[in-house]
Protein backbone atom coordinates (compact mmCIF):
# COMPACT_ATOMS: atom_id res chain seq x y z
CA UNK A 1 0.00 0.00 0.00
CA UNK A 2 2.77 2.44 0.90
CA UNK A 3 4.53 1.62 -2.37
CA UNK A 4 1.38 2.37 -4.38
CA UNK A 5 0.82 5.62 -2.49
CA UNK A 6 4.44 6.62 -3.04
CA UNK A 7 4.19 5.92 -6.76
CA UNK A 8 1.06 8.04 -7.04
CA UNK A 9 2.75 10.89 -5.18
CA UNK A 10 5.73 10.73 -7.54
CA UNK A 11 3.47 10.70 -10.60
CA UNK A 12 1.50 13.70 -9.29
CA UNK A 13 4.72 15.61 -8.60
CA UNK A 14 6.03 14.84 -12.09
CA UNK A 15 2.77 15.98 -13.69
CA UNK A 16 2.77 19.22 -11.69
CA UNK A 17 6.39 19.89 -12.62
CA UNK A 18 5.60 19.24 -16.29
CA UNK A 19 2.63 21.63 -16.30
CA UNK A 20 4.70 24.33 -14.66
CA UNK A 21 7.52 23.66 -17.09
CA UNK A 22 5.36 24.22 -20.19
CA UNK A 23 3.44 27.26 -18.87
CA UNK A 24 6.07 29.25 -16.98
CA UNK A 25 8.22 29.97 -20.09
CA UNK A 26 5.21 31.65 -21.72
CA UNK A 27 4.78 34.10 -18.83
CA UNK A 28 8.52 34.72 -18.62
CA UNK A 29 8.78 35.41 -22.36
CA UNK A 30 5.81 37.82 -22.40
CA UNK A 31 7.00 39.72 -19.33
CA UNK A 32 10.73 40.10 -19.91
CA UNK A 33 11.41 39.22 -23.58
CA UNK A 34 8.43 40.33 -25.68
CA UNK A 35 7.39 42.83 -22.95
CA UNK A 36 3.66 42.37 -23.48
CA UNK A 37 2.39 42.17 -19.88
CA UNK A 38 -1.27 42.46 -20.89
CA UNK A 39 -1.02 39.11 -22.72
CA UNK A 40 0.54 37.18 -19.86
CA UNK A 41 -2.72 35.97 -18.32
CA UNK A 42 -4.57 34.94 -21.53
CA UNK A 43 -1.53 33.27 -23.11
CA UNK A 44 -0.53 31.47 -19.90
CA UNK A 45 -4.13 30.34 -19.41
CA UNK A 46 -4.30 29.12 -23.02
CA UNK A 47 -1.07 27.18 -22.60
CA UNK A 48 -2.26 25.64 -19.31
CA UNK A 49 -5.57 24.54 -20.88
CA UNK A 50 -3.77 23.05 -23.87
CA UNK A 51 -1.35 21.25 -21.52
CA UNK A 52 -4.03 19.72 -19.28
CA UNK A 53 -4.30 16.48 -21.34
CA UNK A 54 -0.67 15.77 -20.36
CA UNK A 55 -2.10 14.48 -17.08
CA UNK A 56 -3.17 11.34 -19.00
CA UNK A 57 0.01 11.12 -21.11
CA UNK A 58 0.99 7.70 -19.69
CA UNK A 59 -2.46 6.16 -20.23
CA UNK A 60 -3.19 7.36 -23.77
CA UNK A 61 -0.18 9.11 -25.31
CA UNK A 62 -1.64 9.07 -28.82
CA UNK A 63 -4.96 10.61 -27.76
CA UNK A 64 -3.11 13.23 -25.71
CA UNK A 65 -0.90 14.13 -28.67
CA UNK A 66 -3.76 14.55 -31.14
CA UNK A 67 -5.95 16.49 -28.69
CA UNK A 68 -3.12 18.89 -27.83
CA UNK A 69 -2.38 19.31 -31.54
CA UNK A 70 -6.02 20.22 -32.21
CA UNK A 71 -6.22 22.63 -29.26
CA UNK A 72 -2.93 24.25 -30.23
CA UNK A 73 -4.21 24.99 -33.74
CA UNK A 74 -7.51 26.37 -32.47
CA UNK A 75 -5.74 28.41 -29.79
CA UNK A 76 -3.36 30.00 -32.27
CA UNK A 77 -6.27 31.12 -34.44
CA UNK A 78 -8.48 32.33 -31.57
CA UNK A 79 -5.82 34.23 -29.63
CA UNK A 80 -2.96 35.89 -31.52
CA UNK A 81 -0.26 37.81 -29.68
CA UNK A 82 2.54 39.74 -31.35
CA UNK A 83 6.04 38.37 -30.90
CA UNK A 84 7.48 34.91 -31.01
CA UNK A 85 5.82 33.81 -27.75
CA UNK A 86 2.56 32.95 -29.54
CA UNK A 87 4.29 30.40 -31.76
CA UNK A 88 7.24 29.01 -29.83
CA UNK A 89 6.14 28.95 -26.18
CA UNK A 90 2.61 27.76 -26.85
CA UNK A 91 4.15 24.82 -28.72
CA UNK A 92 5.74 23.48 -25.51
CA UNK A 93 2.72 21.25 -24.61
CA UNK A 94 2.81 19.94 -28.17
CA UNK A 95 6.51 19.18 -27.81
CA UNK A 96 5.93 17.40 -24.48
CA UNK A 97 3.13 15.33 -26.02
CA UNK A 98 5.31 14.46 -29.03
CA UNK A 99 8.10 13.31 -26.70
CA UNK A 100 5.70 11.12 -24.69
CA UNK A 101 4.15 9.63 -27.82
CA UNK A 102 7.55 8.73 -29.25
CA UNK A 103 8.66 7.32 -25.89
CA UNK A 104 5.79 5.00 -24.90
CA UNK A 105 3.05 5.26 -27.51
CA UNK A 106 2.28 2.88 -30.31
CA UNK A 107 4.16 3.56 -33.54
CA UNK A 108 2.46 6.46 -35.33
CA UNK A 109 2.12 6.71 -39.08
CA UNK A 110 4.84 9.00 -40.38
CA UNK A 111 2.37 10.48 -42.87
CA UNK A 112 -0.14 11.38 -40.17
CA UNK A 113 2.54 12.89 -37.95
CA UNK A 114 4.06 14.91 -40.80
CA UNK A 115 0.61 16.09 -41.94
CA UNK A 116 -0.18 17.28 -38.42
CA UNK A 117 3.03 19.28 -38.26
CA UNK A 118 2.39 20.79 -41.71
CA UNK A 119 -1.09 21.92 -40.64
CA UNK A 120 0.19 23.44 -37.40
CA UNK A 121 3.10 25.10 -39.22
CA UNK A 122 0.70 26.63 -41.75
CA UNK A 123 -1.70 27.91 -39.08
CA UNK A 124 1.15 29.33 -37.04
CA UNK A 125 2.68 30.98 -40.10
CA UNK A 126 -0.63 32.57 -41.15
CA UNK A 127 -1.25 33.89 -37.64
CA UNK A 128 2.24 35.32 -37.31
CA UNK A 129 1.98 36.99 -40.72
CA UNK A 130 -0.93 39.01 -39.35
CA UNK A 131 0.82 40.23 -36.21
CA UNK A 132 4.54 40.18 -37.03
CA UNK A 133 6.93 40.94 -39.88
CA UNK A 134 7.42 38.26 -42.53
CA UNK A 135 10.91 37.40 -41.35
CA UNK A 136 9.79 36.99 -37.76
CA UNK A 137 6.82 34.89 -38.87
CA UNK A 138 9.01 32.41 -40.72
CA UNK A 139 11.51 32.37 -37.86
CA UNK A 140 8.85 31.75 -35.24
CA UNK A 141 7.12 28.99 -37.17
CA UNK A 142 10.42 27.28 -38.02
CA UNK A 143 11.57 27.37 -34.42
CA UNK A 144 8.24 25.96 -33.23
CA UNK A 145 8.46 23.15 -35.78
CA UNK A 146 12.05 22.45 -34.79
CA UNK A 147 11.04 22.29 -31.12
CA UNK A 148 8.43 19.62 -31.78
CA UNK A 149 10.70 17.59 -34.04
CA UNK A 150 13.50 17.80 -31.51
CA UNK A 151 11.24 16.57 -28.69
CA UNK A 152 9.99 13.75 -30.95
CA UNK A 153 13.52 12.67 -31.87
CA UNK A 154 14.66 12.75 -28.23
CA UNK A 155 11.70 10.59 -27.19
CA UNK A 156 12.32 8.17 -30.05
CA UNK A 157 16.01 7.92 -29.22
CA UNK A 158 15.25 7.31 -25.56
CA UNK A 159 12.75 4.62 -26.51
CA UNK A 160 15.26 2.89 -28.75
CA UNK A 161 17.88 2.94 -25.99
CA UNK A 162 15.41 1.53 -23.46
CA UNK A 163 14.29 -1.19 -25.88
CA UNK A 164 17.91 -2.03 -26.66
CA UNK A 165 18.63 -2.26 -22.92
CA UNK A 166 15.62 -4.55 -22.45
CA UNK A 167 16.73 -6.69 -25.38
CA UNK A 168 20.23 -6.92 -23.91
CA UNK A 169 18.82 -7.85 -20.51
CA UNK A 170 16.60 -10.50 -22.08
CA UNK A 171 19.51 -11.82 -24.12
CA UNK A 172 21.69 -11.99 -21.01
CA UNK A 173 18.89 -13.78 -19.16
CA UNK A 174 18.52 -16.30 -21.99
CA UNK A 175 22.29 -16.78 -22.09
CA UNK A 176 22.32 -17.37 -18.34
CA UNK A 177 19.51 -19.91 -18.68
CA UNK A 178 21.31 -21.66 -21.53
CA UNK A 179 24.54 -21.63 -19.54
CA UNK A 180 22.77 -23.11 -16.52
CA UNK A 181 21.16 -25.76 -18.73
CA UNK A 182 24.49 -26.59 -20.35
CA UNK A 183 26.13 -26.81 -16.94
CA UNK A 184 23.43 -29.21 -15.71
CA UNK A 185 23.91 -31.29 -18.85
CA UNK A 186 27.67 -31.32 -18.30
CA UNK A 187 27.30 -32.40 -14.68
CA UNK A 188 24.83 -35.10 -15.69
CA UNK A 189 27.23 -36.41 -18.34
CA UNK A 190 30.15 -36.41 -15.91
CA UNK A 191 28.17 -38.30 -13.29
CA UNK A 192 26.75 -40.75 -15.80
CA UNK A 193 29.98 -41.48 -17.63
CA UNK A 194 32.11 -41.58 -14.48
CA UNK A 195 29.88 -43.61 -12.19
CA UNK A 196 28.24 -45.90 -14.73
CA UNK A 197 31.59 -47.52 -15.46
CA UNK A 198 32.20 -48.59 -11.86
CA UNK A 199 28.58 -49.27 -10.90
CA UNK A 200 28.12 -51.48 -13.94
CA UNK A 201 31.13 -53.54 -12.89
CA UNK A 202 29.76 -53.73 -9.35
CA UNK A 203 26.34 -54.92 -10.53
CA UNK A 204 27.76 -57.47 -12.93
CA UNK A 205 30.15 -58.85 -10.32
CA UNK A 206 27.26 -59.14 -7.88
CA UNK A 207 25.14 -61.01 -10.41
CA UNK A 208 28.07 -63.28 -11.23
CA UNK A 209 28.51 -64.12 -7.55
CA UNK A 210 24.81 -64.92 -7.22
CA UNK A 211 24.91 -67.13 -10.32
CA UNK A 212 28.00 -68.95 -9.05
CA UNK A 213 26.36 -69.60 -5.73
CA UNK A 214 23.24 -70.90 -7.44
CA UNK A 215 25.21 -73.28 -9.69
CA UNK A 216 27.26 -74.55 -6.75
CA UNK A 217 24.13 -75.22 -4.72
CA UNK A 218 22.61 -77.21 -7.54
CA UNK A 219 25.69 -79.40 -7.95
CA UNK A 220 26.31 -80.13 -4.27
CA UNK A 221 24.30 -80.42 -1.10
CA UNK A 222 26.69 -78.00 0.59
CA UNK A 223 25.12 -74.57 0.45
CA UNK A 224 28.33 -72.87 1.53
CA UNK A 225 30.17 -71.12 -1.29
CA UNK A 226 33.34 -69.12 -0.93
CA UNK A 227 32.41 -65.66 -2.21
CA UNK A 228 35.32 -63.83 -0.65
CA UNK A 229 36.92 -63.01 -4.02
CA UNK A 230 33.63 -61.73 -5.40
CA UNK A 231 32.93 -59.66 -2.28
CA UNK A 232 36.43 -58.20 -2.44
CA UNK A 233 35.91 -57.24 -6.07
CA UNK A 234 32.50 -55.74 -5.25
CA UNK A 235 33.98 -53.69 -2.42
CA UNK A 236 36.81 -52.54 -4.68
CA UNK A 237 34.35 -51.39 -7.34
CA UNK A 238 32.39 -49.55 -4.66
CA UNK A 239 35.54 -47.74 -3.50
CA UNK A 240 36.38 -46.86 -7.09
CA UNK A 241 32.89 -45.41 -7.54
CA UNK A 242 33.38 -43.24 -4.44
CA UNK A 243 36.80 -42.16 -5.71
CA UNK A 244 35.26 -41.33 -9.08
CA UNK A 245 32.68 -39.10 -7.37
CA UNK A 246 35.52 -37.26 -5.66
CA UNK A 247 37.34 -36.81 -8.95
CA UNK A 248 34.19 -35.55 -10.69
CA UNK A 249 33.45 -33.03 -7.94
CA UNK A 250 37.06 -31.81 -7.95
CA UNK A 251 36.91 -31.36 -11.73
CA UNK A 252 33.62 -29.47 -11.51
CA UNK A 253 35.08 -27.22 -8.80
CA UNK A 254 38.22 -26.65 -10.85
CA UNK A 255 40.45 -28.20 -8.18
CA UNK A 256 42.02 -30.68 -10.58
CA UNK A 257 42.08 -31.13 -14.35
CA UNK A 258 39.78 -33.64 -15.96
CA UNK A 259 41.36 -37.01 -16.84
CA UNK A 260 42.58 -37.08 -20.42
CA UNK A 261 44.95 -38.83 -22.79
CA UNK A 262 47.53 -39.54 -20.09
CA UNK A 263 44.99 -41.50 -18.03
CA UNK A 264 43.84 -43.80 -20.84
CA UNK A 265 46.35 -46.50 -19.87
CA UNK A 266 45.01 -46.54 -16.30
CA UNK A 267 41.45 -46.77 -17.62
CA UNK A 268 42.31 -49.76 -19.79
CA UNK A 269 44.14 -51.48 -16.91
CA UNK A 270 41.06 -50.99 -14.75
CA UNK A 271 38.93 -52.70 -17.38
CA UNK A 272 41.41 -55.56 -17.62
CA UNK A 273 41.38 -56.01 -13.85
CA UNK A 274 37.61 -56.54 -14.09
CA UNK A 275 38.15 -59.64 -16.22
CA UNK A 276 38.06 -58.26 -19.74
CA UNK A 277 40.62 -58.72 -22.48
CA UNK A 278 41.29 -55.25 -23.84
CA UNK A 279 43.58 -54.78 -26.81
CA UNK A 280 44.66 -51.16 -26.63
CA UNK A 281 46.56 -49.18 -29.26
CA UNK A 282 47.52 -45.53 -28.82
CA UNK A 283 49.50 -43.56 -31.39
CA UNK A 284 50.40 -39.93 -31.82
CA UNK A 285 48.24 -38.68 -28.94
CA UNK A 286 49.36 -35.56 -27.10
CA UNK A 287 48.97 -34.47 -23.49
CA UNK A 288 45.77 -33.96 -21.54
CA UNK A 289 43.62 -31.23 -23.13
CA UNK A 290 39.92 -30.48 -23.49
CA UNK A 291 39.82 -32.91 -26.40
CA UNK A 292 41.74 -35.35 -24.25
CA UNK A 293 39.08 -35.17 -21.52
CA UNK A 294 36.40 -35.91 -24.10
CA UNK A 295 38.44 -38.79 -25.51
CA UNK A 296 38.84 -40.26 -22.03
CA UNK A 297 35.08 -40.16 -21.39
CA UNK A 298 34.33 -41.62 -24.83
CA UNK A 299 36.61 -44.61 -24.19
CA UNK A 300 35.25 -44.99 -20.65
CA UNK A 301 31.62 -45.02 -21.84
CA UNK A 302 32.46 -47.38 -24.71
CA UNK A 303 34.05 -49.83 -22.26
CA UNK A 304 30.99 -49.54 -20.01
CA UNK A 305 28.67 -50.29 -22.93
CA UNK A 306 30.83 -53.26 -23.90
CA UNK A 307 30.57 -54.60 -20.37
CA UNK A 308 26.85 -53.97 -20.07
CA UNK A 309 25.62 -54.99 -23.52
CA UNK A 310 28.43 -56.99 -25.05
CA UNK A 311 29.82 -60.41 -24.39
CA UNK A 312 32.64 -58.71 -22.45
CA UNK A 313 35.11 -61.26 -23.68
CA UNK A 314 37.40 -58.93 -25.57
CA UNK A 315 37.41 -55.30 -26.60
CA UNK A 316 39.56 -53.54 -29.18
CA UNK A 317 40.39 -49.90 -28.44
CA UNK A 318 42.33 -47.76 -30.92
CA UNK A 319 43.15 -44.10 -30.18
CA UNK A 320 45.18 -42.22 -32.77
CA UNK A 321 45.89 -38.61 -33.60
CA UNK A 322 46.00 -37.89 -37.31
CA UNK A 323 44.73 -35.48 -39.95
CA UNK A 324 44.31 -32.69 -37.42
CA UNK A 325 42.17 -34.64 -35.00
CA UNK A 326 41.81 -37.64 -32.73
CA UNK A 327 40.16 -40.84 -33.95
CA UNK A 328 38.77 -43.34 -31.44
CA UNK A 329 37.57 -46.81 -32.48
CA UNK A 330 36.11 -49.20 -29.92
CA UNK A 331 34.85 -52.59 -31.09
CA UNK A 332 33.51 -55.54 -29.11
CA UNK A 333 31.50 -58.73 -29.63
CA UNK A 334 27.78 -58.43 -28.94
CA UNK A 335 25.85 -60.82 -26.77
CA UNK A 336 22.75 -62.08 -28.55
CA UNK A 337 20.64 -61.16 -25.51
CA UNK A 338 21.67 -57.55 -25.94
CA UNK A 339 19.95 -57.45 -29.33
CA UNK A 340 16.53 -58.17 -27.84
CA UNK A 341 14.30 -55.06 -28.03
CA UNK A 342 13.61 -53.24 -24.76
CA UNK A 343 10.39 -54.00 -22.99
CA UNK A 344 7.65 -51.38 -22.85
CA UNK A 345 8.44 -48.63 -20.39
CA UNK A 346 12.11 -49.54 -20.09
CA UNK A 347 14.25 -46.43 -20.19
CA UNK A 348 16.89 -46.38 -22.95
CA UNK A 349 20.50 -45.83 -22.05
CA UNK A 350 22.15 -42.42 -22.18
CA UNK A 351 25.67 -43.54 -23.04
CA UNK A 352 25.65 -42.98 -26.80
CA UNK A 353 23.65 -39.77 -26.36
CA UNK A 354 26.28 -38.46 -23.97
CA UNK A 355 29.08 -39.42 -26.36
CA UNK A 356 27.39 -37.60 -29.24
CA UNK A 357 26.87 -34.49 -27.09
CA UNK A 358 30.48 -34.45 -25.94
CA UNK A 359 31.90 -34.92 -29.43
CA UNK A 360 29.48 -32.36 -30.91
CA UNK A 361 30.89 -29.70 -28.57
CA UNK A 362 34.16 -30.00 -30.52
CA UNK A 363 32.48 -30.11 -33.92
CA UNK A 364 33.36 -33.80 -34.25
CA UNK A 365 31.43 -36.79 -35.54
CA UNK A 366 30.24 -40.15 -34.20
CA UNK A 367 29.57 -43.31 -36.21
CA UNK A 368 27.96 -46.47 -34.85
CA UNK A 369 28.03 -49.83 -36.60
CA UNK A 370 26.14 -52.87 -35.36
CA UNK A 371 26.09 -56.34 -36.88
CA UNK A 372 24.67 -59.61 -35.62
CA UNK A 373 27.74 -60.34 -33.53
CA UNK A 374 29.77 -57.11 -33.25
CA UNK A 375 29.36 -53.48 -32.20
CA UNK A 376 31.75 -50.75 -33.32
CA UNK A 377 31.91 -47.16 -32.16
CA UNK A 378 34.01 -44.65 -34.09
CA UNK A 379 34.48 -40.99 -33.19
CA UNK A 380 36.51 -38.17 -34.65
CA UNK A 381 37.40 -35.13 -32.53
CA UNK A 382 39.06 -32.24 -34.38
CA UNK A 383 42.20 -30.71 -32.91
CA UNK A 384 41.79 -27.60 -30.77
CA UNK A 385 42.53 -24.34 -32.58
């Protein structure tokens, strides 16, 4: 309530200041410049009456402009005063209305606006010709016309600056939203690619332990099965998942660089320790860079997919730097069960989607080839410029 009252007080004060601003110059000009004291009251009153519609300038700027234009023309004909005051000073309400119309009003037809000014210029010129020398008449009318055009141009320029500022603010807001969305996508990819590798190994090792226990129970009456090796491997994969979370958070915070080309050997050794045969070839690859971080995640996700969907017997990984970019080829046998379509409602994996998004950030390309018994992933990441 106080805010509304304060806004109304400010608007009333601005309106009062505007009315004084467009009427006071008329009285000052007639008293001390033109020295026609007997015309002070009628001319000031005429200007005040013409300026009254400015009270509603914010609500209907176009209506205010046209009404003031009409009253100005009628006033000039009905009450003519020698000197320039009758043409210039009485045009102040018109100038204020033109400024407001250009600032907040709907776009006005240039033809209508120009026609209005021509009519007022003609009326003013005819009136001044009757009460002033020809030179003064042309001077007064030209100055009045210039005053209105100047006010219009200032209002239009202010409007354009305000609209440009709003457009910039909106653009910055959209950029911030896009940046936040991209950051969420990046975090999601890091978590998916980093954790899926270790959690997949943990799940598969758990399922293998359960299957081994079931087979042992079927063959013998002894229900006791030594699962210590499996439990050790499960615990190790759990610790690696926790370590991976720490690495991801440190990378996101900027505490440490993201793993890249130099960590590919460790990644392959980790896959081998999980029971896979990985044939790894690396040629011409430089140090850890942004492209190196993407290459690391591509190989990591490809190994995860091979473990989850493939036979996980053997995987071929080739990473080479040539022709101004890095080529990654990961190929593995495919388990027939992995080719069965997903059941209704089952959520598809995000691995290949994440790979495509990562590679696309560099302007690279991804190719996927699937046959009855083999899956091949090939990516090309252009060199950083």
